């Protein structure tokens, strides 16, 4: 039986089986990366000393643990990005999975690098400026972040997939929309309606009542 002969739901199940993620690699390397800071603290850090005398062995061990934290952390981030992208590719398409992989990689690398820098150099003096900057950026990008996180929820919960014909009912979206889902990006859900294509913000789509409908061919409409 060819892929064309399979029902739509069965075809989705086949795709999910092929692209089912495996986070075992992420868990193993993530736990190793998380254990490294504990080892550094136990050894006294890279500035370990006793009565003013540097503890060479402890310092070398601390540097080794920090290096392991960096390497294992980067591996865990890359593995997470690849597996999440594989999961999202089924419902959101190649473009969305590629963008999400890039975002997870960038955020993960920043977290790992900041952790390593924090183990090497105390970051107490930078805590306040970083916090203020984060609050300002968060307020300025509130709507975009709302659509972004709503897009991630839609891609993972999958109330509908690309190719489904759906109905959306929501006052926030301005009423009811019927159409075929052509794309699910990280900010908008694209529908092909009888009046033409339309882009709906993910936050509104997530809050809307949603239901799949039977596809209607052009001949049936006429």
N, C-alpha and C. Protein backbone atom coordinates (compact mmCIF):
# COMPACT_ATOMS: atom_id res chain seq x y z
N UNK A 1 0.86 -1.20 0.00
CA UNK A 1 0.00 0.00 0.00
C UNK A 1 0.89 1.24 0.00
N UNK A 2 0.58 2.15 -0.88
CA UNK A 2 1.37 3.37 -0.98
C UNK A 2 0.92 4.38 0.06
N UNK A 3 1.75 5.43 0.22
CA UNK A 3 1.41 6.48 1.18
C UNK A 3 0.13 7.19 0.79
N UNK A 4 -0.18 7.25 -0.54
CA UNK A 4 -1.38 7.94 -1.00
C UNK A 4 -2.64 7.19 -0.61
N UNK A 5 -2.51 5.84 -0.41
CA UNK A 5 -3.67 5.03 -0.09
C UNK A 5 -4.01 5.05 1.39
N UNK A 6 -3.10 5.55 2.22
CA UNK A 6 -3.34 5.58 3.66
C UNK A 6 -4.28 6.71 4.02
N UNK A 7 -5.18 6.51 4.99
CA UNK A 7 -6.01 7.62 5.48
C UNK A 7 -5.13 8.70 6.07
N UNK A 8 -5.69 9.89 6.18
CA UNK A 8 -4.90 11.03 6.66
C UNK A 8 -4.39 10.78 8.08
N UNK A 9 -5.24 10.24 8.96
CA UNK A 9 -4.81 10.00 10.34
C UNK A 9 -3.74 8.93 10.41
N UNK A 10 -3.89 7.89 9.59
CA UNK A 10 -2.89 6.83 9.58
C UNK A 10 -1.56 7.34 9.05
N UNK A 11 -1.62 8.21 8.06
CA UNK A 11 -0.40 8.79 7.51
C UNK A 11 0.32 9.64 8.56
N UNK A 12 -0.45 10.37 9.37
CA UNK A 12 0.14 11.15 10.45
C UNK A 12 0.81 10.25 11.48
N UNK A 13 0.18 9.10 11.78
CA UNK A 13 0.77 8.17 12.74
C UNK A 13 2.08 7.60 12.22
N UNK A 14 2.14 7.32 10.93
CA UNK A 14 3.38 6.81 10.33
C UNK A 14 4.48 7.86 10.42
N UNK A 15 4.13 9.11 10.12
CA UNK A 15 5.11 10.18 10.19
C UNK A 15 5.62 10.36 11.61
N UNK A 16 4.70 10.29 12.60
CA UNK A 16 5.10 10.46 13.99
C UNK A 16 6.03 9.33 14.43
N UNK A 17 5.76 8.10 13.95
CA UNK A 17 6.62 6.99 14.32
C UNK A 17 8.02 7.16 13.75
N UNK A 18 8.09 7.70 12.54
CA UNK A 18 9.40 7.90 11.90
C UNK A 18 10.17 8.99 12.61
N UNK A 19 9.49 10.08 12.99
CA UNK A 19 10.15 11.24 13.57
C UNK A 19 10.05 11.28 15.09
N UNK A 20 9.72 10.16 15.74
CA UNK A 20 9.59 10.16 17.19
C UNK A 20 10.94 10.50 17.83
N UNK A 21 10.95 11.50 18.71
CA UNK A 21 12.23 11.95 19.28
C UNK A 21 12.78 10.98 20.32
N UNK A 22 14.07 11.05 20.54
CA UNK A 22 14.75 10.23 21.54
C UNK A 22 15.64 11.16 22.36
N UNK A 23 15.22 11.40 23.61
CA UNK A 23 15.93 12.36 24.46
C UNK A 23 16.90 11.68 25.42
N UNK A 24 17.24 10.42 25.20
CA UNK A 24 18.17 9.74 26.11
C UNK A 24 19.55 10.39 26.09
N UNK A 25 20.02 10.74 24.92
CA UNK A 25 21.31 11.40 24.81
C UNK A 25 21.29 12.75 25.53
N UNK A 26 20.19 13.48 25.38
CA UNK A 26 20.05 14.76 26.06
C UNK A 26 20.09 14.60 27.57
N UNK A 27 19.38 13.60 28.09
CA UNK A 27 19.31 13.38 29.53
C UNK A 27 20.68 13.02 30.10
N UNK A 28 21.39 12.11 29.42
CA UNK A 28 22.70 11.67 29.93
C UNK A 28 23.69 12.82 29.98
N UNK A 29 23.85 13.51 28.85
CA UNK A 29 24.83 14.60 28.81
C UNK A 29 24.36 15.81 29.63
N UNK A 30 23.05 16.01 29.71
CA UNK A 30 22.53 17.10 30.54
C UNK A 30 22.83 16.88 32.01
N UNK A 31 22.65 15.64 32.49
CA UNK A 31 22.96 15.34 33.88
C UNK A 31 24.45 15.48 34.17
N UNK A 32 25.28 15.06 33.23
CA UNK A 32 26.73 15.22 33.41
C UNK A 32 27.11 16.70 33.47
N UNK A 33 26.49 17.51 32.60
CA UNK A 33 26.78 18.95 32.61
C UNK A 33 26.31 19.60 33.91
N UNK A 34 25.16 19.17 34.43
CA UNK A 34 24.64 19.73 35.67
C UNK A 34 25.47 19.30 36.88
N UNK A 35 26.10 18.13 36.79
CA UNK A 35 26.92 17.65 37.91
C UNK A 35 28.24 18.40 38.02
N UNK A 36 28.72 18.94 36.91
CA UNK A 36 30.03 19.60 36.89
C UNK A 36 30.12 20.78 37.86
N UNK A 37 29.13 21.70 37.91
CA UNK A 37 29.23 22.80 38.88
C UNK A 37 29.32 22.32 40.32
N UNK A 38 28.63 21.21 40.64
CA UNK A 38 28.73 20.65 41.98
C UNK A 38 30.14 20.17 42.29
N UNK A 39 30.79 19.58 41.28
CA UNK A 39 32.18 19.14 41.47
C UNK A 39 33.10 20.33 41.69
N UNK A 40 32.87 21.40 40.92
CA UNK A 40 33.69 22.61 41.07
C UNK A 40 33.53 23.18 42.48
N UNK A 41 32.29 23.24 42.95
CA UNK A 41 32.05 23.76 44.30
C UNK A 41 32.70 22.88 45.36
N UNK A 42 32.62 21.57 45.18
CA UNK A 42 33.22 20.64 46.14
C UNK A 42 34.74 20.81 46.20
N UNK A 43 35.36 21.07 45.05
CA UNK A 43 36.81 21.23 45.00
C UNK A 43 37.27 22.62 45.43
N UNK A 44 36.35 23.55 45.57
CA UNK A 44 36.72 24.89 45.99
C UNK A 44 36.86 25.88 44.86
N UNK A 45 36.62 25.47 43.62
CA UNK A 45 36.69 26.38 42.48
C UNK A 45 38.10 26.61 41.98
N UNK A 46 38.19 27.44 40.93
CA UNK A 46 39.49 27.69 40.30
C UNK A 46 40.37 28.59 41.15
N UNK A 47 39.82 29.16 42.21
CA UNK A 47 40.61 30.00 43.10
C UNK A 47 40.83 29.33 44.45
N UNK A 48 40.76 27.99 44.47
CA UNK A 48 40.90 27.25 45.72
C UNK A 48 42.25 27.51 46.36
N UNK A 49 42.22 27.76 47.66
CA UNK A 49 43.46 28.01 48.40
C UNK A 49 43.24 27.64 49.86
N UNK A 50 44.31 27.35 50.57
CA UNK A 50 44.25 27.02 51.99
C UNK A 50 45.30 27.83 52.73
N UNK A 51 44.80 28.71 53.60
CA UNK A 51 45.70 29.59 54.35
C UNK A 51 46.60 30.39 53.42
N UNK A 52 45.99 30.86 52.33
CA UNK A 52 46.74 31.69 51.39
C UNK A 52 47.58 30.93 50.39
N UNK A 53 47.65 29.60 50.52
CA UNK A 53 48.45 28.78 49.61
C UNK A 53 47.55 28.15 48.56
N UNK A 54 47.81 28.37 47.26
CA UNK A 54 46.97 27.78 46.21
C UNK A 54 46.96 26.26 46.28
N UNK A 55 45.78 25.67 46.10
CA UNK A 55 45.64 24.22 46.04
C UNK A 55 45.65 23.81 44.57
N UNK A 56 46.82 23.41 44.09
CA UNK A 56 47.00 23.16 42.65
C UNK A 56 46.10 22.03 42.16
N UNK A 57 46.05 20.93 42.90
CA UNK A 57 45.25 19.79 42.46
C UNK A 57 43.78 20.13 42.35
N UNK A 58 43.27 20.86 43.37
CA UNK A 58 41.85 21.25 43.34
C UNK A 58 41.57 22.20 42.19
N UNK A 59 42.49 23.10 41.91
CA UNK A 59 42.29 24.03 40.80
C UNK A 59 42.27 23.30 39.46
N UNK A 60 43.19 22.37 39.29
CA UNK A 60 43.23 21.59 38.05
C UNK A 60 41.93 20.79 37.89
N UNK A 61 41.48 20.18 38.99
CA UNK A 61 40.23 19.43 38.94
C UNK A 61 39.05 20.32 38.61
N UNK A 62 39.06 21.55 39.15
CA UNK A 62 37.98 22.49 38.87
C UNK A 62 37.96 22.88 37.40
N UNK A 63 39.14 23.14 36.85
CA UNK A 63 39.21 23.48 35.42
C UNK A 63 38.71 22.31 34.56
N UNK A 64 39.09 21.09 34.97
CA UNK A 64 38.62 19.92 34.23
C UNK A 64 37.11 19.77 34.28
N UNK A 65 36.52 20.01 35.47
CA UNK A 65 35.07 19.92 35.60
C UNK A 65 34.37 21.00 34.78
N UNK A 66 34.95 22.20 34.76
CA UNK A 66 34.36 23.29 33.97
C UNK A 66 34.42 22.95 32.48
N UNK A 67 35.52 22.36 32.04
CA UNK A 67 35.63 21.96 30.64
C UNK A 67 34.57 20.91 30.30
N UNK A 68 34.39 19.95 31.21
CA UNK A 68 33.36 18.92 30.98
C UNK A 68 31.97 19.54 30.94
N UNK A 69 31.73 20.53 31.82
CA UNK A 69 30.44 21.23 31.82
C UNK A 69 30.19 21.87 30.46
N UNK A 70 31.22 22.50 29.90
CA UNK A 70 31.08 23.16 28.61
C UNK A 70 30.80 22.15 27.51
N UNK A 71 31.59 21.09 27.44
CA UNK A 71 31.46 20.11 26.35
C UNK A 71 30.13 19.36 26.46
N UNK A 72 29.84 18.82 27.66
CA UNK A 72 28.60 18.05 27.83
C UNK A 72 27.37 18.94 27.67
N UNK A 73 27.46 20.18 28.12
CA UNK A 73 26.34 21.10 27.97
C UNK A 73 26.04 21.39 26.51
N UNK A 74 27.09 21.63 25.71
CA UNK A 74 26.88 21.91 24.28
C UNK A 74 26.30 20.70 23.57
N UNK A 75 26.76 19.50 23.95
CA UNK A 75 26.22 18.28 23.33
C UNK A 75 24.75 18.12 23.69
N UNK A 76 24.41 18.37 24.95
CA UNK A 76 23.01 18.24 25.39
C UNK A 76 22.12 19.24 24.67
N UNK A 77 22.60 20.46 24.52
CA UNK A 77 21.80 21.48 23.83
C UNK A 77 21.58 21.10 22.37
N UNK A 78 22.64 20.68 21.72
CA UNK A 78 22.51 20.31 20.30
C UNK A 78 21.58 19.12 20.12
N UNK A 79 21.69 18.14 21.01
CA UNK A 79 20.80 16.98 20.92
C UNK A 79 19.35 17.37 21.16
N UNK A 80 19.12 18.25 22.14
CA UNK A 80 17.76 18.72 22.41
C UNK A 80 17.18 19.45 21.20
N UNK A 81 17.97 20.34 20.62
CA UNK A 81 17.50 21.10 19.46
C UNK A 81 17.15 20.17 18.30
N UNK A 82 17.97 19.17 18.05
CA UNK A 82 17.71 18.24 16.94
C UNK A 82 16.45 17.42 17.17
N UNK A 83 16.27 16.93 18.41
CA UNK A 83 15.12 16.07 18.68
C UNK A 83 13.82 16.87 18.69
N UNK A 84 13.84 18.08 19.26
CA UNK A 84 12.64 18.92 19.26
C UNK A 84 12.28 19.30 17.82
N UNK A 85 13.28 19.64 17.02
CA UNK A 85 13.02 19.97 15.62
C UNK A 85 12.43 18.78 14.87
N UNK A 86 12.88 17.58 15.18
CA UNK A 86 12.32 16.39 14.54
C UNK A 86 10.86 16.20 14.93
N UNK A 87 10.53 16.50 16.19
CA UNK A 87 9.15 16.37 16.64
C UNK A 87 8.26 17.42 16.00
N UNK A 88 8.75 18.66 15.92
CA UNK A 88 7.96 19.76 15.38
C UNK A 88 7.79 19.64 13.88
N UNK A 89 8.74 19.02 13.20
CA UNK A 89 8.71 18.93 11.73
C UNK A 89 7.44 18.26 11.24
N UNK A 90 6.89 17.31 12.03
CA UNK A 90 5.69 16.59 11.61
C UNK A 90 4.50 17.52 11.51
N UNK A 91 4.33 18.40 12.52
CA UNK A 91 3.14 19.24 12.54
C UNK A 91 3.35 20.63 11.99
N UNK A 92 4.60 21.14 12.05
CA UNK A 92 4.83 22.52 11.67
C UNK A 92 5.60 22.72 10.39
N UNK A 93 6.17 21.68 9.83
CA UNK A 93 6.91 21.82 8.59
C UNK A 93 8.40 22.04 8.82
N UNK A 94 9.13 21.98 7.72
CA UNK A 94 10.59 22.06 7.78
C UNK A 94 11.07 23.45 8.21
N UNK A 95 10.43 24.49 7.72
CA UNK A 95 10.87 25.85 8.03
C UNK A 95 10.73 26.15 9.52
N UNK A 96 9.58 25.81 10.10
CA UNK A 96 9.35 26.08 11.51
C UNK A 96 10.30 25.27 12.38
N UNK A 97 10.52 24.01 12.04
CA UNK A 97 11.43 23.19 12.84
C UNK A 97 12.85 23.73 12.77
N UNK A 98 13.24 24.27 11.61
CA UNK A 98 14.58 24.84 11.49
C UNK A 98 14.75 26.08 12.34
N UNK A 99 13.72 26.94 12.36
CA UNK A 99 13.79 28.15 13.19
C UNK A 99 13.84 27.79 14.67
N UNK A 100 13.01 26.82 15.08
CA UNK A 100 12.98 26.42 16.48
C UNK A 100 14.30 25.79 16.89
N UNK A 101 14.87 25.00 16.00
CA UNK A 101 16.19 24.42 16.31
C UNK A 101 17.23 25.50 16.52
N UNK A 102 17.21 26.53 15.68
CA UNK A 102 18.16 27.62 15.82
C UNK A 102 17.96 28.36 17.14
N UNK A 103 16.70 28.63 17.51
CA UNK A 103 16.43 29.34 18.75
C UNK A 103 16.87 28.54 19.97
N UNK A 104 16.54 27.24 19.99
CA UNK A 104 16.94 26.39 21.12
C UNK A 104 18.46 26.33 21.21
N UNK A 105 19.12 26.23 20.07
CA UNK A 105 20.59 26.17 20.07
C UNK A 105 21.19 27.45 20.61
N UNK A 106 20.69 28.60 20.14
CA UNK A 106 21.24 29.88 20.60
C UNK A 106 21.02 30.08 22.09
N UNK A 107 19.78 29.86 22.55
CA UNK A 107 19.48 30.05 23.97
C UNK A 107 20.27 29.07 24.83
N UNK A 108 20.33 27.82 24.38
CA UNK A 108 21.07 26.81 25.14
C UNK A 108 22.55 27.12 25.22
N UNK A 109 23.14 27.54 24.11
CA UNK A 109 24.57 27.89 24.12
C UNK A 109 24.84 29.07 25.04
N UNK A 110 23.93 30.06 25.02
CA UNK A 110 24.12 31.21 25.91
C UNK A 110 24.07 30.77 27.37
N UNK A 111 23.13 29.90 27.73
CA UNK A 111 23.03 29.42 29.11
C UNK A 111 24.28 28.66 29.51
N UNK A 112 24.76 27.79 28.62
CA UNK A 112 25.96 27.01 28.94
C UNK A 112 27.18 27.92 29.11
N UNK A 113 27.34 28.86 28.19
CA UNK A 113 28.50 29.77 28.27
C UNK A 113 28.42 30.63 29.52
N UNK A 114 27.24 31.14 29.86
CA UNK A 114 27.09 31.95 31.07
C UNK A 114 27.38 31.12 32.31
N UNK A 115 26.99 29.87 32.31
CA UNK A 115 27.28 28.99 33.45
C UNK A 115 28.78 28.78 33.60
N UNK A 116 29.45 28.54 32.47
CA UNK A 116 30.90 28.33 32.51
C UNK A 116 31.62 29.60 32.97
N UNK A 117 31.20 30.74 32.43
CA UNK A 117 31.81 32.01 32.84
C UNK A 117 31.58 32.26 34.33
N UNK A 118 30.38 31.91 34.82
CA UNK A 118 30.09 32.07 36.23
C UNK A 118 30.95 31.20 37.12
N UNK A 119 31.35 30.04 36.62
CA UNK A 119 32.25 29.17 37.39
C UNK A 119 33.68 29.69 37.37
N UNK A 120 34.02 30.43 36.32
CA UNK A 120 35.38 30.97 36.22
C UNK A 120 35.52 32.32 36.91
N UNK A 121 34.50 33.16 36.73
CA UNK A 121 34.55 34.53 37.26
C UNK A 121 33.24 34.83 37.97
N UNK A 122 33.25 35.33 39.19
CA UNK A 122 32.00 35.71 39.87
C UNK A 122 31.24 36.76 39.07
N UNK A 123 29.93 36.53 38.91
CA UNK A 123 29.12 37.44 38.11
C UNK A 123 28.17 38.29 38.96
N UNK A 124 28.46 38.41 40.26
CA UNK A 124 27.59 39.17 41.14
C UNK A 124 27.43 40.61 40.73
N UNK A 125 28.50 41.20 40.21
CA UNK A 125 28.43 42.62 39.82
C UNK A 125 27.56 42.84 38.58
N UNK A 126 27.35 41.75 37.79
CA UNK A 126 26.55 41.89 36.57
C UNK A 126 25.09 41.50 36.77
N UNK A 127 24.75 41.01 37.97
CA UNK A 127 23.40 40.49 38.20
C UNK A 127 22.34 41.57 38.02
N UNK A 128 22.55 42.75 38.64
CA UNK A 128 21.54 43.80 38.56
C UNK A 128 21.35 44.34 37.15
N UNK A 129 22.42 44.72 36.42
CA UNK A 129 22.22 45.19 35.04
C UNK A 129 21.54 44.16 34.14
N UNK A 130 21.92 42.89 34.29
CA UNK A 130 21.31 41.84 33.46
C UNK A 130 19.83 41.70 33.79
N UNK A 131 19.47 41.78 35.07
CA UNK A 131 18.07 41.66 35.46
C UNK A 131 17.25 42.81 34.91
N UNK A 132 17.77 44.04 35.01
CA UNK A 132 17.05 45.21 34.50
C UNK A 132 16.86 45.10 33.00
N UNK A 133 17.90 44.69 32.29
CA UNK A 133 17.81 44.53 30.84
C UNK A 133 16.78 43.48 30.47
N UNK A 134 16.75 42.37 31.21
CA UNK A 134 15.78 41.32 30.93
C UNK A 134 14.35 41.78 31.12
N UNK A 135 14.11 42.57 32.18
CA UNK A 135 12.76 43.08 32.42
C UNK A 135 12.32 44.02 31.30
N UNK A 136 13.22 44.93 30.88
CA UNK A 136 12.89 45.89 29.83
C UNK A 136 12.59 45.17 28.51
N UNK A 137 13.44 44.22 28.15
CA UNK A 137 13.25 43.48 26.90
C UNK A 137 11.96 42.66 26.96
N UNK A 138 11.68 42.06 28.14
CA UNK A 138 10.47 41.26 28.28
C UNK A 138 9.20 42.08 28.11
N UNK A 139 9.19 43.29 28.67
CA UNK A 139 8.01 44.15 28.53
C UNK A 139 7.84 44.59 27.07
N UNK A 140 8.96 44.94 26.43
CA UNK A 140 8.89 45.43 25.04
C UNK A 140 8.43 44.34 24.08
N UNK A 141 8.80 43.09 24.37
CA UNK A 141 8.49 41.99 23.45
C UNK A 141 7.38 41.09 23.97
N UNK A 142 6.51 41.64 24.82
CA UNK A 142 5.49 40.82 25.46
C UNK A 142 4.58 40.14 24.45
N UNK A 143 4.07 40.87 23.46
CA UNK A 143 3.16 40.30 22.48
C UNK A 143 3.85 39.25 21.62
N UNK A 144 5.07 39.57 21.19
CA UNK A 144 5.81 38.62 20.36
C UNK A 144 6.12 37.34 21.13
N UNK A 145 6.50 37.49 22.40
CA UNK A 145 6.79 36.31 23.21
C UNK A 145 5.52 35.50 23.45
N UNK A 146 4.38 36.18 23.61
CA UNK A 146 3.12 35.46 23.80
C UNK A 146 2.80 34.60 22.57
N UNK A 147 2.97 35.16 21.38
CA UNK A 147 2.73 34.38 20.15
C UNK A 147 3.75 33.27 20.00
N UNK A 148 5.00 33.55 20.39
CA UNK A 148 6.07 32.55 20.26
C UNK A 148 5.78 31.33 21.13
N UNK A 149 5.47 31.56 22.41
CA UNK A 149 5.21 30.43 23.31
C UNK A 149 3.91 29.72 22.94
N UNK A 150 2.92 30.49 22.47
CA UNK A 150 1.69 29.85 22.01
C UNK A 150 1.96 28.96 20.80
N UNK A 151 2.86 29.42 19.90
CA UNK A 151 3.23 28.60 18.75
C UNK A 151 3.89 27.31 19.16
N UNK A 152 4.75 27.37 20.18
CA UNK A 152 5.41 26.15 20.66
C UNK A 152 4.37 25.19 21.24
N UNK A 153 3.41 25.72 22.01
CA UNK A 153 2.36 24.87 22.58
C UNK A 153 1.54 24.22 21.47
N UNK A 154 1.19 24.97 20.43
CA UNK A 154 0.43 24.42 19.32
C UNK A 154 1.20 23.32 18.61
N UNK A 155 2.50 23.52 18.44
CA UNK A 155 3.31 22.54 17.73
C UNK A 155 3.46 21.25 18.53
N UNK A 156 3.48 21.36 19.86
CA UNK A 156 3.66 20.17 20.68
C UNK A 156 2.33 19.49 21.00
N UNK A 157 1.29 20.27 21.30
CA UNK A 157 0.00 19.67 21.64
C UNK A 157 -0.74 19.18 20.40
N UNK A 158 -0.49 19.83 19.26
CA UNK A 158 -1.03 19.45 17.97
C UNK A 158 -2.56 19.27 17.97
N UNK A 159 -3.33 20.31 18.30
CA UNK A 159 -4.78 20.21 18.11
C UNK A 159 -5.14 20.07 16.64
N UNK A 160 -4.23 20.48 15.77
CA UNK A 160 -4.38 20.29 14.33
C UNK A 160 -2.99 20.30 13.72
N UNK A 161 -2.90 19.82 12.49
CA UNK A 161 -1.62 19.74 11.79
C UNK A 161 -1.74 20.42 10.43
N UNK A 162 -0.60 20.66 9.81
CA UNK A 162 -0.59 21.23 8.47
C UNK A 162 -1.32 20.28 7.52
N UNK A 163 -2.24 20.82 6.74
CA UNK A 163 -3.04 20.02 5.83
C UNK A 163 -4.44 19.74 6.33
N UNK A 164 -4.70 19.96 7.64
CA UNK A 164 -6.04 19.75 8.19
C UNK A 164 -6.97 20.90 7.81
N UNK A 165 -8.23 20.57 7.61
CA UNK A 165 -9.26 21.59 7.44
C UNK A 165 -9.93 21.79 8.80
N UNK A 166 -9.91 23.02 9.30
CA UNK A 166 -10.36 23.27 10.67
C UNK A 166 -11.32 24.45 10.71
N UNK A 167 -11.98 24.56 11.87
CA UNK A 167 -12.82 25.72 12.18
C UNK A 167 -12.29 26.33 13.48
N UNK A 168 -12.10 27.64 13.46
CA UNK A 168 -11.67 28.38 14.65
C UNK A 168 -12.78 29.34 15.04
N UNK A 169 -13.18 29.30 16.31
CA UNK A 169 -14.18 30.23 16.82
C UNK A 169 -13.59 30.98 18.00
N UNK A 170 -13.49 32.30 17.88
CA UNK A 170 -12.89 33.10 18.94
C UNK A 170 -13.27 34.56 18.76
N UNK A 171 -13.72 35.18 19.87
CA UNK A 171 -13.99 36.61 19.82
C UNK A 171 -12.74 37.42 19.62
N UNK A 172 -11.61 36.94 20.20
CA UNK A 172 -10.35 37.66 20.08
C UNK A 172 -9.88 37.71 18.63
N UNK A 173 -10.25 36.70 17.84
CA UNK A 173 -9.85 36.66 16.43
C UNK A 173 -10.87 37.33 15.53
N UNK A 174 -11.98 37.77 16.10
CA UNK A 174 -12.96 38.48 15.29
C UNK A 174 -14.02 37.60 14.70
N UNK A 175 -14.28 36.43 15.29
CA UNK A 175 -15.35 35.58 14.79
C UNK A 175 -14.89 34.17 14.46
N UNK A 176 -15.46 33.61 13.39
CA UNK A 176 -15.18 32.24 12.99
C UNK A 176 -14.38 32.20 11.70
N UNK A 177 -13.42 31.26 11.65
CA UNK A 177 -12.61 31.08 10.45
C UNK A 177 -12.63 29.60 10.08
N UNK A 178 -12.88 29.32 8.81
CA UNK A 178 -12.85 27.96 8.27
C UNK A 178 -11.83 27.92 7.15
N UNK A 179 -10.96 26.92 7.20
CA UNK A 179 -9.97 26.81 6.13
C UNK A 179 -8.98 25.70 6.39
N UNK A 180 -8.08 25.55 5.45
CA UNK A 180 -7.04 24.53 5.54
C UNK A 180 -5.76 25.14 6.12
N UNK A 181 -5.17 24.44 7.07
CA UNK A 181 -3.93 24.91 7.69
C UNK A 181 -2.79 24.71 6.71
N UNK A 182 -2.16 25.78 6.29
CA UNK A 182 -1.06 25.68 5.34
C UNK A 182 0.31 25.78 6.01
N UNK A 183 0.36 26.36 7.22
CA UNK A 183 1.64 26.47 7.93
C UNK A 183 1.37 26.86 9.38
N UNK A 184 2.24 26.38 10.26
CA UNK A 184 2.22 26.79 11.66
C UNK A 184 3.62 27.30 11.98
N UNK A 185 3.76 28.61 12.03
CA UNK A 185 5.06 29.20 12.34
C UNK A 185 5.13 29.48 13.83
N UNK A 186 6.23 30.11 14.26
CA UNK A 186 6.39 30.40 15.67
C UNK A 186 5.62 31.64 16.11
N UNK A 187 5.02 32.36 15.17
CA UNK A 187 4.24 33.54 15.54
C UNK A 187 2.83 33.53 14.95
N UNK A 188 2.65 32.91 13.80
CA UNK A 188 1.34 32.93 13.14
C UNK A 188 0.95 31.52 12.67
N UNK A 189 -0.37 31.32 12.61
CA UNK A 189 -0.94 30.13 11.97
C UNK A 189 -1.59 30.58 10.67
N UNK A 190 -1.21 29.96 9.57
CA UNK A 190 -1.70 30.38 8.25
C UNK A 190 -2.83 29.47 7.80
N UNK A 191 -3.96 30.08 7.43
CA UNK A 191 -5.12 29.35 6.94
C UNK A 191 -5.42 29.75 5.50
N UNK A 192 -5.78 28.76 4.69
CA UNK A 192 -6.27 29.03 3.34
C UNK A 192 -7.79 28.95 3.39
N UNK A 193 -8.46 30.10 3.36
CA UNK A 193 -9.91 30.14 3.45
C UNK A 193 -10.52 30.37 2.07
N UNK A 194 -11.83 30.34 2.00
CA UNK A 194 -12.51 30.58 0.73
C UNK A 194 -12.27 32.00 0.23
N UNK A 195 -12.00 32.93 1.17
CA UNK A 195 -11.73 34.31 0.78
C UNK A 195 -10.27 34.59 0.52
N UNK A 196 -9.42 33.56 0.71
CA UNK A 196 -7.99 33.74 0.50
C UNK A 196 -7.19 33.41 1.74
N UNK A 197 -5.87 33.47 1.65
CA UNK A 197 -5.02 33.14 2.80
C UNK A 197 -5.14 34.19 3.90
N UNK A 198 -5.00 33.72 5.14
CA UNK A 198 -5.07 34.63 6.29
C UNK A 198 -4.09 34.14 7.35
N UNK A 199 -3.44 35.09 8.02
CA UNK A 199 -2.48 34.78 9.09
C UNK A 199 -3.10 35.16 10.42
N UNK A 200 -3.18 34.21 11.34
CA UNK A 200 -3.78 34.43 12.66
C UNK A 200 -2.70 34.33 13.73
N UNK A 201 -2.64 35.25 14.68
CA UNK A 201 -1.65 35.18 15.75
C UNK A 201 -1.84 33.94 16.60
N UNK A 202 -0.74 33.29 16.94
CA UNK A 202 -0.82 32.02 17.66
C UNK A 202 -1.50 32.14 19.02
N UNK A 203 -1.33 33.28 19.70
CA UNK A 203 -1.95 33.44 21.01
C UNK A 203 -3.47 33.40 20.89
N UNK A 204 -4.02 34.00 19.82
CA UNK A 204 -5.46 33.95 19.59
C UNK A 204 -5.93 32.58 19.19
N UNK A 205 -5.13 31.89 18.37
CA UNK A 205 -5.49 30.53 17.94
C UNK A 205 -5.51 29.58 19.12
N UNK A 206 -4.53 29.72 20.03
CA UNK A 206 -4.47 28.85 21.19
C UNK A 206 -5.68 29.05 22.10
N UNK A 207 -6.19 30.28 22.16
CA UNK A 207 -7.35 30.57 23.01
C UNK A 207 -8.68 30.28 22.33
N UNK A 208 -8.64 29.91 21.04
CA UNK A 208 -9.88 29.71 20.29
C UNK A 208 -10.37 28.27 20.43
N UNK A 209 -11.68 28.10 20.22
CA UNK A 209 -12.26 26.76 20.11
C UNK A 209 -11.92 26.23 18.72
N UNK A 210 -11.36 25.02 18.68
CA UNK A 210 -10.84 24.47 17.43
C UNK A 210 -11.45 23.10 17.16
N UNK A 211 -11.72 22.83 15.91
CA UNK A 211 -12.22 21.51 15.54
C UNK A 211 -11.85 21.18 14.11
N UNK A 212 -11.44 19.93 13.89
CA UNK A 212 -11.15 19.48 12.54
C UNK A 212 -12.44 19.27 11.77
N UNK A 213 -12.39 19.53 10.47
CA UNK A 213 -13.53 19.35 9.60
C UNK A 213 -13.13 18.50 8.40
N UNK A 214 -14.11 17.87 7.77
CA UNK A 214 -13.84 17.09 6.57
C UNK A 214 -13.44 18.02 5.45
N UNK A 215 -12.39 17.64 4.73
CA UNK A 215 -11.94 18.46 3.60
C UNK A 215 -13.01 18.51 2.53
N UNK A 216 -13.19 19.70 1.97
CA UNK A 216 -14.18 19.90 0.90
C UNK A 216 -13.45 20.21 -0.38
N UNK A 217 -13.66 19.41 -1.40
CA UNK A 217 -12.98 19.62 -2.66
C UNK A 217 -13.61 20.78 -3.42
N UNK A 218 -12.91 21.23 -4.44
CA UNK A 218 -13.41 22.34 -5.24
C UNK A 218 -14.71 21.99 -5.94
N UNK A 219 -14.84 20.73 -6.42
CA UNK A 219 -16.05 20.32 -7.12
C UNK A 219 -17.24 20.29 -6.17
N UNK A 220 -17.02 19.88 -4.91
CA UNK A 220 -18.10 19.84 -3.94
C UNK A 220 -18.59 21.24 -3.61
N UNK A 221 -17.65 22.22 -3.55
CA UNK A 221 -18.02 23.60 -3.23
C UNK A 221 -18.91 24.20 -4.32
N UNK A 222 -18.59 23.84 -5.58
CA UNK A 222 -19.34 24.39 -6.69
C UNK A 222 -20.65 23.60 -6.90
